[in-house]
Amino acid sequence: MGVPDDRIHAEAFGPASLVRTSDRPAAALAPVSAKPVPVAFAKSGKEARWEPGSGTLLELAEARGLSPDFNCRSGSCGACAVKIVSGKVTYEQPPQAKVDADVALICSAFPADQDAGGTDRLILDV
């Protein structure tokens, strides 16, 4: 739209920040696993079995009685970021918050398909 940066004002809560980026195509996302994936929550010692269609990794953690930090449930704020100890995650939509390769935004993350680099087990530092 051509609006100068000094005319744009935004307010963010939590670890999120707004950064103007060039218009570039988003990287292709790995597909969500079509098979059940065991998920271990390392800090709590709890384990669960993620099933296709059962929701995000945050929803899985909550179903096991965990209360990880989160705010948006859409991958835009970054409050739910957790370290991936082992395995790979993917997203149905690219997260808006910046995320490193060894970090998952569990509010919108799913286990990645094994054929696309996922593993048969996912370990998160929760």
N, C-alpha and C. Protein backbone atom coordinates (compact mmCIF):
# COMPACT_ATOMS: atom_id res chain seq x y z
N MET A 1 0.81 -1.19 0.00
CA MET A 1 0.00 0.00 0.00
C MET A 1 0.86 1.26 0.00
N GLY A 2 2.15 1.11 0.26
CA GLY A 2 3.03 2.26 0.18
C GLY A 2 2.99 3.19 1.37
N VAL A 3 2.56 2.72 2.54
CA VAL A 3 2.50 3.56 3.73
C VAL A 3 3.90 3.64 4.33
N PRO A 4 4.41 4.84 4.59
CA PRO A 4 5.75 4.97 5.20
C PRO A 4 5.78 4.35 6.59
N ASP A 5 6.91 3.75 6.95
CA ASP A 5 7.05 3.10 8.25
C ASP A 5 6.74 4.02 9.42
N ASP A 6 7.09 5.31 9.33
CA ASP A 6 6.85 6.21 10.46
C ASP A 6 5.38 6.54 10.65
N ARG A 7 4.52 6.12 9.74
CA ARG A 7 3.08 6.34 9.86
C ARG A 7 2.35 5.10 10.37
N ILE A 8 3.08 4.03 10.61
CA ILE A 8 2.49 2.78 11.08
C ILE A 8 2.75 2.66 12.57
N HIS A 9 1.70 2.46 13.34
CA HIS A 9 1.80 2.28 14.78
C HIS A 9 1.15 0.95 15.14
N ALA A 10 1.79 0.21 16.03
CA ALA A 10 1.26 -1.09 16.43
C ALA A 10 1.55 -1.30 17.90
N GLU A 11 0.76 -2.16 18.49
CA GLU A 11 0.93 -2.50 19.89
C GLU A 11 0.96 -4.02 19.98
N ALA A 12 1.95 -4.58 20.65
CA ALA A 12 2.07 -6.02 20.79
C ALA A 12 2.25 -6.35 22.27
N PHE A 13 1.69 -7.45 22.68
CA PHE A 13 1.80 -7.91 24.06
C PHE A 13 2.54 -9.23 24.07
N GLY A 14 3.44 -9.42 25.00
CA GLY A 14 4.22 -10.64 25.06
C GLY A 14 5.46 -10.53 24.19
N PRO A 15 6.03 -11.67 23.79
CA PRO A 15 7.29 -11.65 23.06
C PRO A 15 7.16 -11.28 21.59
N ALA A 16 5.98 -11.01 21.11
CA ALA A 16 5.79 -10.70 19.70
C ALA A 16 6.37 -9.34 19.35
N SER A 17 6.75 -9.20 18.12
CA SER A 17 7.20 -7.91 17.62
C SER A 17 6.82 -7.82 16.15
N LEU A 18 6.70 -6.61 15.66
CA LEU A 18 6.35 -6.41 14.27
C LEU A 18 7.59 -5.99 13.51
N VAL A 19 7.86 -6.67 12.43
CA VAL A 19 9.00 -6.36 11.60
C VAL A 19 8.55 -6.38 10.15
N ARG A 20 8.85 -5.31 9.43
CA ARG A 20 8.49 -5.27 8.02
C ARG A 20 9.44 -6.18 7.26
N THR A 21 8.89 -7.05 6.46
CA THR A 21 9.70 -7.94 5.64
C THR A 21 9.37 -7.72 4.18
N SER A 22 10.27 -8.12 3.34
CA SER A 22 10.00 -7.99 1.92
C SER A 22 8.92 -8.98 1.52
N ASP A 23 8.23 -8.66 0.45
CA ASP A 23 7.20 -9.58 -0.04
C ASP A 23 7.90 -10.72 -0.76
N ARG A 24 7.98 -11.84 -0.09
CA ARG A 24 8.59 -13.01 -0.69
C ARG A 24 7.67 -14.19 -0.44
N PRO A 25 7.66 -15.15 -1.32
CA PRO A 25 6.77 -16.28 -1.11
C PRO A 25 7.17 -17.06 0.14
N ALA A 26 6.18 -17.54 0.85
CA ALA A 26 6.44 -18.32 2.05
C ALA A 26 7.04 -19.67 1.66
N ALA A 27 7.91 -20.18 2.51
CA ALA A 27 8.51 -21.49 2.27
C ALA A 27 7.42 -22.55 2.36
N ALA A 28 7.56 -23.57 1.57
CA ALA A 28 6.58 -24.66 1.60
C ALA A 28 6.65 -25.36 2.95
N LEU A 29 5.50 -25.65 3.51
CA LEU A 29 5.43 -26.33 4.79
C LEU A 29 5.35 -27.83 4.58
N ALA A 30 6.00 -28.58 5.46
CA ALA A 30 5.89 -30.04 5.43
C ALA A 30 4.44 -30.41 5.75
N PRO A 31 3.96 -31.52 5.21
CA PRO A 31 2.60 -31.94 5.54
C PRO A 31 2.50 -32.42 7.00
N VAL A 32 1.31 -32.29 7.55
CA VAL A 32 1.03 -32.80 8.89
C VAL A 32 1.03 -34.32 8.82
N SER A 33 1.52 -34.97 9.85
CA SER A 33 1.59 -36.43 9.87
C SER A 33 0.20 -37.04 9.66
N ALA A 34 0.16 -38.07 8.84
CA ALA A 34 -1.09 -38.79 8.60
C ALA A 34 -1.20 -40.00 9.53
N LYS A 35 -0.17 -40.21 10.36
CA LYS A 35 -0.13 -41.35 11.28
C LYS A 35 -0.03 -40.85 12.71
N PRO A 36 -0.44 -41.66 13.68
CA PRO A 36 -0.26 -41.27 15.08
C PRO A 36 1.22 -41.08 15.41
N VAL A 37 1.51 -40.13 16.28
CA VAL A 37 2.89 -39.83 16.68
C VAL A 37 2.96 -39.75 18.20
N PRO A 38 3.84 -40.54 18.84
CA PRO A 38 4.04 -40.39 20.28
C PRO A 38 4.74 -39.06 20.57
N VAL A 39 4.24 -38.34 21.57
CA VAL A 39 4.81 -37.05 21.94
C VAL A 39 5.19 -37.11 23.42
N ALA A 40 6.44 -36.78 23.70
CA ALA A 40 6.92 -36.73 25.09
C ALA A 40 7.11 -35.27 25.48
N PHE A 41 6.62 -34.92 26.66
CA PHE A 41 6.80 -33.58 27.22
C PHE A 41 7.91 -33.71 28.27
N ALA A 42 9.13 -33.35 27.89
CA ALA A 42 10.34 -33.66 28.65
C ALA A 42 10.34 -33.12 30.08
N LYS A 43 10.02 -31.85 30.28
CA LYS A 43 10.09 -31.26 31.63
C LYS A 43 9.10 -31.90 32.59
N SER A 44 7.91 -32.20 32.10
CA SER A 44 6.87 -32.74 32.97
C SER A 44 6.94 -34.26 33.10
N GLY A 45 7.64 -34.91 32.17
CA GLY A 45 7.71 -36.37 32.19
C GLY A 45 6.46 -37.04 31.65
N LYS A 46 5.54 -36.27 31.09
CA LYS A 46 4.30 -36.83 30.57
C LYS A 46 4.46 -37.20 29.10
N GLU A 47 3.68 -38.18 28.68
CA GLU A 47 3.67 -38.60 27.29
C GLU A 47 2.23 -38.71 26.81
N ALA A 48 2.06 -38.56 25.51
CA ALA A 48 0.73 -38.67 24.91
C ALA A 48 0.90 -39.16 23.49
N ARG A 49 -0.18 -39.60 22.91
CA ARG A 49 -0.16 -40.05 21.52
C ARG A 49 -1.00 -39.08 20.71
N TRP A 50 -0.34 -38.33 19.82
CA TRP A 50 -1.06 -37.41 18.94
C TRP A 50 -1.68 -38.22 17.82
N GLU A 51 -2.93 -37.97 17.53
CA GLU A 51 -3.65 -38.65 16.45
C GLU A 51 -4.02 -37.63 15.38
N PRO A 52 -3.96 -38.01 14.10
CA PRO A 52 -4.38 -37.08 13.05
C PRO A 52 -5.80 -36.57 13.31
N GLY A 53 -5.99 -35.29 13.14
CA GLY A 53 -7.30 -34.69 13.36
C GLY A 53 -7.61 -34.37 14.81
N SER A 54 -6.64 -34.60 15.72
CA SER A 54 -6.91 -34.39 17.15
C SER A 54 -6.53 -33.01 17.65
N GLY A 55 -6.04 -32.14 16.78
CA GLY A 55 -5.74 -30.78 17.21
C GLY A 55 -4.25 -30.50 17.28
N THR A 56 -3.95 -29.32 17.81
CA THR A 56 -2.56 -28.86 17.89
C THR A 56 -1.82 -29.52 19.04
N LEU A 57 -0.53 -29.29 19.07
CA LEU A 57 0.28 -29.82 20.17
C LEU A 57 -0.06 -29.14 21.50
N LEU A 58 -0.52 -27.89 21.46
CA LEU A 58 -0.98 -27.23 22.68
C LEU A 58 -2.22 -27.94 23.22
N GLU A 59 -3.15 -28.27 22.35
CA GLU A 59 -4.36 -28.97 22.77
C GLU A 59 -4.02 -30.35 23.34
N LEU A 60 -3.03 -31.01 22.76
CA LEU A 60 -2.59 -32.31 23.28
C LEU A 60 -1.99 -32.14 24.68
N ALA A 61 -1.16 -31.13 24.86
CA ALA A 61 -0.56 -30.87 26.17
C ALA A 61 -1.64 -30.57 27.21
N GLU A 62 -2.61 -29.75 26.84
CA GLU A 62 -3.70 -29.42 27.77
C GLU A 62 -4.51 -30.66 28.13
N ALA A 63 -4.72 -31.56 27.17
CA ALA A 63 -5.47 -32.79 27.43
C ALA A 63 -4.73 -33.69 28.41
N ARG A 64 -3.41 -33.55 28.51
CA ARG A 64 -2.61 -34.33 29.46
C ARG A 64 -2.43 -33.60 30.79
N GLY A 65 -3.15 -32.48 30.98
CA GLY A 65 -3.10 -31.77 32.24
C GLY A 65 -1.99 -30.73 32.35
N LEU A 66 -1.31 -30.44 31.26
CA LEU A 66 -0.26 -29.43 31.28
C LEU A 66 -0.85 -28.05 31.01
N SER A 67 -0.16 -27.02 31.44
CA SER A 67 -0.62 -25.64 31.24
C SER A 67 0.50 -24.78 30.65
N PRO A 68 0.92 -25.08 29.41
CA PRO A 68 1.98 -24.26 28.81
C PRO A 68 1.50 -22.84 28.55
N ASP A 69 2.44 -21.90 28.47
CA ASP A 69 2.10 -20.51 28.15
C ASP A 69 1.54 -20.43 26.74
N PHE A 70 0.57 -19.55 26.54
CA PHE A 70 0.04 -19.25 25.21
C PHE A 70 -0.79 -17.99 25.32
N ASN A 71 -1.09 -17.38 24.21
CA ASN A 71 -1.99 -16.23 24.16
C ASN A 71 -2.95 -16.32 22.99
N CYS A 72 -2.41 -16.44 21.78
CA CYS A 72 -3.22 -16.23 20.58
C CYS A 72 -3.86 -17.49 20.00
N ARG A 73 -3.26 -18.65 20.18
CA ARG A 73 -3.69 -19.91 19.56
C ARG A 73 -3.66 -19.87 18.03
N SER A 74 -2.84 -18.97 17.47
CA SER A 74 -2.77 -18.89 16.01
C SER A 74 -1.35 -18.73 15.48
N GLY A 75 -0.35 -18.74 16.34
CA GLY A 75 1.03 -18.60 15.89
C GLY A 75 1.46 -17.19 15.59
N SER A 76 0.75 -16.21 16.15
CA SER A 76 1.11 -14.83 15.85
C SER A 76 1.85 -14.12 16.98
N CYS A 77 1.75 -14.59 18.22
CA CYS A 77 2.37 -13.84 19.32
C CYS A 77 3.69 -14.43 19.79
N GLY A 78 3.91 -15.71 19.65
CA GLY A 78 5.15 -16.34 20.09
C GLY A 78 5.20 -16.73 21.55
N ALA A 79 4.13 -16.50 22.31
CA ALA A 79 4.14 -16.82 23.74
C ALA A 79 4.25 -18.32 24.02
N CYS A 80 3.84 -19.15 23.10
CA CYS A 80 3.81 -20.60 23.31
C CYS A 80 5.07 -21.29 22.81
N ALA A 81 6.10 -20.56 22.45
CA ALA A 81 7.32 -21.14 21.88
C ALA A 81 7.98 -22.09 22.86
N VAL A 82 8.27 -23.31 22.41
CA VAL A 82 8.99 -24.30 23.22
C VAL A 82 10.08 -24.94 22.36
N LYS A 83 11.13 -25.37 23.02
CA LYS A 83 12.25 -26.01 22.32
C LYS A 83 11.85 -27.42 21.89
N ILE A 84 12.24 -27.76 20.66
CA ILE A 84 12.05 -29.13 20.16
C ILE A 84 13.32 -29.89 20.52
N VAL A 85 13.19 -30.90 21.37
CA VAL A 85 14.34 -31.72 21.76
C VAL A 85 14.66 -32.72 20.66
N SER A 86 13.61 -33.31 20.09
CA SER A 86 13.77 -34.30 19.03
C SER A 86 12.51 -34.33 18.18
N GLY A 87 12.69 -34.53 16.88
CA GLY A 87 11.55 -34.61 15.98
C GLY A 87 11.35 -33.32 15.21
N LYS A 88 10.29 -33.29 14.42
CA LYS A 88 9.98 -32.14 13.57
C LYS A 88 8.50 -31.80 13.70
N VAL A 89 8.19 -30.51 13.60
CA VAL A 89 6.80 -30.06 13.60
C VAL A 89 6.54 -29.30 12.30
N THR A 90 5.27 -29.08 12.03
CA THR A 90 4.86 -28.28 10.89
C THR A 90 3.61 -27.51 11.29
N TYR A 91 3.14 -26.70 10.39
CA TYR A 91 1.99 -25.83 10.65
C TYR A 91 1.04 -25.92 9.46
N GLU A 92 -0.26 -25.81 9.73
CA GLU A 92 -1.22 -25.78 8.62
C GLU A 92 -1.13 -24.45 7.88
N GLN A 93 -0.85 -23.37 8.61
CA GLN A 93 -0.61 -22.05 8.04
C GLN A 93 0.72 -21.56 8.59
N PRO A 94 1.53 -20.87 7.79
CA PRO A 94 2.80 -20.37 8.32
C PRO A 94 2.57 -19.45 9.52
N PRO A 95 3.31 -19.66 10.62
CA PRO A 95 3.13 -18.79 11.78
C PRO A 95 3.57 -17.36 11.46
N GLN A 96 2.89 -16.39 12.05
CA GLN A 96 3.25 -15.00 11.84
C GLN A 96 4.43 -14.60 12.71
N ALA A 97 4.58 -15.23 13.86
CA ALA A 97 5.71 -14.95 14.75
C ALA A 97 6.96 -15.62 14.18
N LYS A 98 8.11 -14.98 14.40
CA LYS A 98 9.37 -15.56 13.96
C LYS A 98 9.65 -16.80 14.80
N VAL A 99 10.05 -17.88 14.14
CA VAL A 99 10.30 -19.13 14.85
C VAL A 99 11.56 -19.80 14.29
N ASP A 100 12.48 -20.18 15.19
CA ASP A 100 13.70 -20.88 14.79
C ASP A 100 13.38 -22.34 14.49
N ALA A 101 14.30 -23.01 13.79
CA ALA A 101 14.08 -24.40 13.38
C ALA A 101 13.95 -25.36 14.56
N ASP A 102 14.58 -25.04 15.70
CA ASP A 102 14.52 -25.93 16.86
C ASP A 102 13.47 -25.49 17.88
N VAL A 103 12.52 -24.70 17.44
CA VAL A 103 11.46 -24.19 18.32
C VAL A 103 10.11 -24.46 17.66
N ALA A 104 9.11 -24.77 18.48
CA ALA A 104 7.75 -24.97 17.99
C ALA A 104 6.82 -23.98 18.66
N LEU A 105 5.94 -23.39 17.88
CA LEU A 105 4.83 -22.60 18.42
C LEU A 105 3.69 -23.59 18.59
N ILE A 106 3.61 -24.18 19.78
CA ILE A 106 2.71 -25.33 19.96
C ILE A 106 1.24 -24.99 19.83
N CYS A 107 0.88 -23.71 19.88
CA CYS A 107 -0.53 -23.35 19.73
C CYS A 107 -1.03 -23.61 18.32
N SER A 108 -0.11 -23.71 17.36
CA SER A 108 -0.53 -23.94 15.98
C SER A 108 0.31 -25.02 15.30
N ALA A 109 1.12 -25.75 16.06
CA ALA A 109 2.02 -26.76 15.50
C ALA A 109 1.41 -28.16 15.57
N PHE A 110 1.84 -28.98 14.61
CA PHE A 110 1.44 -30.38 14.51
C PHE A 110 2.70 -31.20 14.23
N PRO A 111 2.72 -32.49 14.57
CA PRO A 111 3.86 -33.31 14.16
C PRO A 111 3.95 -33.36 12.63
N ALA A 112 5.18 -33.29 12.12
CA ALA A 112 5.39 -33.34 10.67
C ALA A 112 5.32 -34.78 10.17
N ASP A 113 4.93 -34.93 8.92
CA ASP A 113 4.87 -36.24 8.27
C ASP A 113 6.28 -36.83 8.21
N GLN A 114 6.40 -38.13 8.49
CA GLN A 114 7.71 -38.79 8.48
C GLN A 114 8.39 -38.70 7.13
N ASP A 115 7.65 -38.82 6.05
CA ASP A 115 8.23 -38.77 4.71
C ASP A 115 8.76 -37.37 4.38
N ALA A 116 8.33 -36.37 5.14
CA ALA A 116 8.77 -34.99 4.91
C ALA A 116 9.78 -34.55 5.97
N GLY A 117 10.44 -35.51 6.61
CA GLY A 117 11.46 -35.17 7.59
C GLY A 117 11.02 -35.33 9.03
N GLY A 118 9.78 -35.71 9.25
CA GLY A 118 9.30 -35.94 10.61
C GLY A 118 9.87 -37.23 11.17
N THR A 119 9.65 -37.49 12.43
CA THR A 119 10.16 -38.71 13.05
C THR A 119 9.00 -39.48 13.66
N ASP A 120 9.32 -40.69 14.13
CA ASP A 120 8.26 -41.49 14.73
C ASP A 120 8.00 -41.11 16.18
N ARG A 121 8.73 -40.11 16.70
CA ARG A 121 8.54 -39.64 18.08
C ARG A 121 8.93 -38.17 18.15
N LEU A 122 8.16 -37.40 18.88
CA LEU A 122 8.41 -35.97 19.04
C LEU A 122 8.63 -35.70 20.53
N ILE A 123 9.71 -35.00 20.86
CA ILE A 123 10.00 -34.65 22.25
C ILE A 123 10.07 -33.13 22.35
N LEU A 124 9.21 -32.58 23.22
CA LEU A 124 9.14 -31.13 23.42
C LEU A 124 9.58 -30.79 24.84
N ASP A 125 10.22 -29.66 25.02
CA ASP A 125 10.71 -29.22 26.33
C ASP A 125 9.60 -28.51 27.10
N VAL A 126 8.58 -29.27 27.45
CA VAL A 126 7.42 -28.75 28.19
C VAL A 126 7.28 -29.55 29.46
